[in-house]
Amino acid sequence: MSFDLGLILSYLPRILEGLGVTLMLWVIGSALGLAVGFAVAVGRRYGPAPLGWLLRGIVEVIRGTPFLVQVFLLYYGGPFIGLRLENIPAGILALAIYAAAYYSELWRAGFDAIPKGHLEAADCVGFTEWQTLRRIILPEMTVLVLPSMVNMTILILKETAILSIISLPELTLSVSAIGTQHYAFVESFTVLALLYWALVEICGALGRRAEARLSKYRFAT
């Protein structure tokens, strides 16, 4: 039994289409999650206590339940509360909510990691709270949390595979369908693993490059 490369090449357009959908879901879901996660972290740190308790509860629920269950509840349970979404918007929203919970914890850890002496120095020179956030906290915390952010972004990429359960034509569904149709499971899942590995390596390389550049900026200032 040999590896049928010709079969994979004959389905290359379908594979590339699924890859494009995966990239779209990953980029949009991660970007939304990053922004919402930051807003949640800011709300927990600077907002009133009841808001902090509410946000913490939501984050704990999301982090404490499997992503698969969240996708099912959003897509199949949404209509029971009047929320009807097509599979692509549902996939993006599910990824964004899931990512936001974890990103918010990383942002929160970044806030806590800023040395108190830096904040006291900003207060001594008359910085407002907004100036301290923009000029002291954000630059420093971004460097501190970037490695963890990159790791989380890689995990979100791999979680996109779960969205195949709602018939979303992303990479996993597109490639696994080839194996099902032709009983070529070795070929299809080998290609699937290689494509995800390539995406992870690219993301990791970009993250290391960004970390190096931000570190130079931090020490230069």
Protein backbone atom coordinates (compact mmCIF):
# COMPACT_ATOMS: atom_id res chain seq x y z
CA MET A 1 0.00 0.00 0.00
CA SER A 2 1.59 3.27 -1.16
CA PHE A 3 1.00 6.93 -0.46
CA ASP A 4 -1.25 8.25 -3.26
CA LEU A 5 0.12 11.75 -3.84
CA GLY A 6 -1.81 12.05 -7.10
CA LEU A 7 -5.11 11.81 -5.23
CA ILE A 8 -4.11 14.66 -2.93
CA LEU A 9 -2.98 16.81 -5.85
CA SER A 10 -6.26 16.23 -7.67
CA TYR A 11 -8.09 17.72 -4.70
CA LEU A 12 -5.67 20.60 -4.24
CA PRO A 13 -8.24 23.34 -5.06
CA ARG A 14 -10.59 21.98 -2.38
CA ILE A 15 -7.74 21.76 0.13
CA LEU A 16 -6.64 25.32 -0.58
CA GLU A 17 -10.22 26.55 -0.25
CA GLY A 18 -10.50 24.87 3.15
CA LEU A 19 -7.15 26.35 4.13
CA GLY A 20 -8.42 29.80 3.22
CA VAL A 21 -11.51 29.35 5.38
CA THR A 22 -9.37 28.18 8.30
CA LEU A 23 -7.08 31.19 7.98
CA MET A 24 -10.06 33.53 7.84
CA LEU A 25 -11.64 32.00 10.94
CA TRP A 26 -8.33 32.01 12.79
CA VAL A 27 -7.34 35.58 12.00
CA ILE A 28 -10.75 37.15 12.64
CA GLY A 29 -11.53 35.03 15.69
CA SER A 30 -8.11 35.69 17.24
CA ALA A 31 -8.25 39.43 16.53
CA LEU A 32 -11.71 39.78 18.05
CA GLY A 33 -10.72 37.63 21.01
CA LEU A 34 -7.60 39.70 21.60
CA ALA A 35 -9.57 42.96 21.60
CA VAL A 36 -12.44 41.67 23.72
CA GLY A 37 -10.02 39.98 26.10
CA PHE A 38 -8.19 43.25 26.62
CA ALA A 39 -11.48 45.05 27.29
CA VAL A 40 -12.43 42.36 29.83
CA ALA A 41 -9.05 42.68 31.57
CA VAL A 42 -9.39 46.48 31.72
CA GLY A 43 -12.94 46.16 33.05
CA ARG A 44 -11.84 43.78 35.77
CA ARG A 45 -8.92 46.01 36.77
CA TYR A 46 -10.42 49.49 36.53
CA GLY A 47 -14.18 48.87 36.63
CA PRO A 48 -16.45 48.70 39.67
CA ALA A 49 -16.35 45.57 41.80
CA PRO A 50 -19.71 44.13 40.57
CA LEU A 51 -18.50 44.38 36.96
CA GLY A 52 -15.27 42.62 37.91
CA TRP A 53 -17.17 39.79 39.60
CA LEU A 54 -19.46 39.38 36.58
CA LEU A 55 -16.60 39.34 34.09
CA ARG A 56 -14.62 36.92 36.23
CA GLY A 57 -17.60 34.57 36.40
CA ILE A 58 -18.06 34.61 32.63
CA VAL A 59 -14.36 33.97 32.05
CA GLU A 60 -14.35 31.05 34.48
CA VAL A 61 -17.38 29.45 32.80
CA ILE A 62 -15.81 29.71 29.35
CA ARG A 63 -12.43 28.42 30.53
CA GLY A 64 -14.10 25.62 32.47
CA THR A 65 -16.08 24.13 29.59
CA PRO A 66 -14.80 22.38 26.44
CA PHE A 67 -14.75 24.37 23.22
CA LEU A 68 -16.69 21.57 21.52
CA VAL A 69 -19.58 22.04 23.96
CA GLN A 70 -19.52 25.81 23.47
CA VAL A 71 -19.75 25.44 19.70
CA PHE A 72 -22.71 23.06 20.01
CA LEU A 73 -24.54 25.36 22.41
CA LEU A 74 -23.97 28.44 20.27
CA TYR A 75 -24.89 26.90 16.93
CA TYR A 76 -27.61 24.41 17.87
CA GLY A 77 -28.82 25.99 21.10
CA GLY A 78 -28.78 29.58 19.88
CA PRO A 79 -32.17 29.35 18.11
CA PHE A 80 -33.84 28.57 21.44
CA ILE A 81 -32.99 32.10 22.57
CA GLY A 82 -33.54 33.72 19.18
CA LEU A 83 -29.90 33.62 18.05
CA ARG A 84 -29.74 32.09 14.57
CA LEU A 85 -26.33 32.15 12.91
CA GLU A 86 -24.93 30.63 9.75
CA ASN A 87 -22.01 28.30 10.31
CA ILE A 88 -19.25 30.79 9.42
CA PRO A 89 -20.48 33.64 11.69
CA ALA A 90 -21.14 31.06 14.41
CA GLY A 91 -17.62 29.70 14.05
CA ILE A 92 -16.05 33.14 14.24
CA LEU A 93 -18.15 34.12 17.26
CA ALA A 94 -17.38 30.86 19.06
CA LEU A 95 -13.65 31.28 18.48
CA ALA A 96 -13.75 34.93 19.55
CA ILE A 97 -15.57 34.17 22.81
CA TYR A 98 -13.30 31.25 23.61
CA ALA A 99 -10.15 33.21 22.79
CA ALA A 100 -11.30 36.31 24.71
CA ALA A 101 -11.55 34.36 27.97
CA TYR A 102 -7.98 33.12 27.73
CA TYR A 103 -6.54 36.33 26.32
CA SER A 104 -8.16 38.29 29.16
CA GLU A 105 -6.26 36.19 31.69
CA LEU A 106 -2.99 36.82 29.86
CA TRP A 107 -3.68 40.57 29.77
CA ARG A 108 -4.56 40.49 33.46
CA ALA A 109 -1.28 38.74 34.25
CA GLY A 110 0.50 41.39 32.21
CA PHE A 111 -1.09 44.17 34.27
CA ASP A 112 0.01 42.46 37.48
CA ALA A 113 3.57 41.96 36.20
CA ILE A 114 4.33 45.67 35.79
CA PRO A 115 6.76 46.72 38.57
CA LYS A 116 5.06 49.01 41.08
CA GLY A 117 8.07 51.31 40.98
CA HIS A 118 7.34 52.16 37.35
CA LEU A 119 3.78 53.13 38.21
CA GLU A 120 4.93 55.19 41.18
CA ALA A 121 7.45 56.97 38.95
CA ALA A 122 4.70 57.79 36.44
CA ASP A 123 2.58 59.18 39.26
CA CYS A 124 5.49 61.30 40.51
CA VAL A 125 5.98 63.01 37.13
CA GLY A 126 2.28 63.82 36.93
CA PHE A 127 1.03 61.24 34.42
CA THR A 128 -2.70 60.76 34.30
CA GLU A 129 -4.11 57.24 34.53
CA TRP A 130 -4.61 57.20 30.75
CA GLN A 131 -1.03 58.38 30.11
CA THR A 132 0.32 55.75 32.49
CA LEU A 133 -1.68 53.06 30.70
CA ARG A 134 -0.62 54.19 27.22
CA ARG A 135 3.03 55.05 27.86
CA ILE A 136 4.07 52.71 30.67
CA ILE A 137 1.73 49.77 31.12
CA LEU A 138 0.86 48.84 27.53
CA PRO A 139 4.41 48.85 26.09
CA GLU A 140 5.83 46.85 28.99
CA MET A 141 3.01 44.36 29.36
CA THR A 142 2.93 43.66 25.62
CA VAL A 143 6.54 42.49 25.73
CA LEU A 144 5.89 40.42 28.86
CA VAL A 145 2.80 38.60 27.59
CA LEU A 146 3.74 38.24 23.92
CA PRO A 147 5.20 34.69 24.17
CA SER A 148 2.07 33.49 25.98
CA MET A 149 -0.11 35.30 23.45
CA VAL A 150 1.65 33.54 20.58
CA ASN A 151 1.15 30.16 22.27
CA MET A 152 -2.53 30.92 22.80
CA THR A 153 -2.94 32.01 19.19
CA ILE A 154 -1.43 28.70 18.08
CA LEU A 155 -3.89 26.82 20.27
CA ILE A 156 -6.76 28.78 18.72
CA LEU A 157 -5.52 27.77 15.27
CA LYS A 158 -5.74 24.10 16.23
CA GLU A 159 -9.16 24.62 17.80
CA THR A 160 -10.51 25.65 14.38
CA ALA A 161 -10.55 21.93 13.55
CA ILE A 162 -13.46 21.49 15.98
CA LEU A 163 -15.61 23.80 13.85
CA SER A 164 -15.95 20.98 11.32
CA ILE A 165 -18.74 19.61 13.55
CA ILE A 166 -21.05 22.40 12.36
CA SER A 167 -20.33 21.55 8.70
CA LEU A 168 -18.07 24.55 8.32
CA PRO A 169 -15.92 23.98 5.20
CA GLU A 170 -12.59 24.62 6.89
CA LEU A 171 -9.38 22.67 6.42
CA THR A 172 -10.18 19.66 8.61
CA LEU A 173 -13.58 19.01 7.05
CA SER A 174 -12.28 19.52 3.51
CA VAL A 175 -9.31 17.18 3.88
CA SER A 176 -11.02 14.50 5.98
CA ALA A 177 -13.81 14.32 3.38
CA ILE A 178 -11.21 13.18 0.84
CA GLY A 179 -10.22 10.32 3.10
CA THR A 180 -13.84 9.34 3.65
CA GLN A 181 -14.69 9.38 -0.05
CA HIS A 182 -11.65 7.39 -1.20
CA TYR A 183 -10.68 5.49 1.98
CA ALA A 184 -7.38 7.38 1.80
CA PHE A 185 -7.14 8.22 5.48
CA VAL A 186 -3.36 8.01 5.68
CA GLU A 187 -2.89 10.45 2.79
CA SER A 188 -5.56 12.90 3.92
CA PHE A 189 -4.61 13.07 7.59
CA THR A 190 -0.90 13.22 6.80
CA VAL A 191 -1.53 16.26 4.60
CA LEU A 192 -3.80 17.74 7.28
CA ALA A 193 -1.11 17.34 9.95
CA LEU A 194 1.57 18.85 7.71
CA LEU A 195 -0.55 21.88 6.86
CA TYR A 196 -1.35 22.61 10.49
CA TRP A 197 2.30 22.10 11.42
CA ALA A 198 3.36 24.59 8.71
CA LEU A 199 0.87 27.18 9.99
CA VAL A 200 2.07 26.71 13.56
CA GLU A 201 5.71 27.14 12.51
CA ILE A 202 4.90 30.32 10.59
CA CYS A 203 2.97 31.75 13.55
CA GLY A 204 5.79 30.86 15.93
CA ALA A 205 8.42 32.46 13.69
CA LEU A 206 6.39 35.67 13.38
CA GLY A 207 5.89 35.72 17.14
CA ARG A 208 9.62 35.35 17.82
CA ARG A 209 10.39 38.12 15.36
CA ALA A 210 7.83 40.43 16.97
CA GLU A 211 9.18 39.60 20.43
CA ALA A 212 12.74 40.46 19.36
CA ARG A 213 11.68 43.80 17.87
CA LEU A 214 9.57 44.75 20.88
CA SER A 215 12.36 43.82 23.25
CA LYS A 216 14.76 46.12 21.40
CA TYR A 217 12.23 48.93 21.62
CA ARG A 218 11.72 48.33 25.32
CA PHE A 219 15.42 48.41 26.19
CA ALA A 220 16.03 51.33 23.84
CA THR A 221 13.52 53.39 25.74
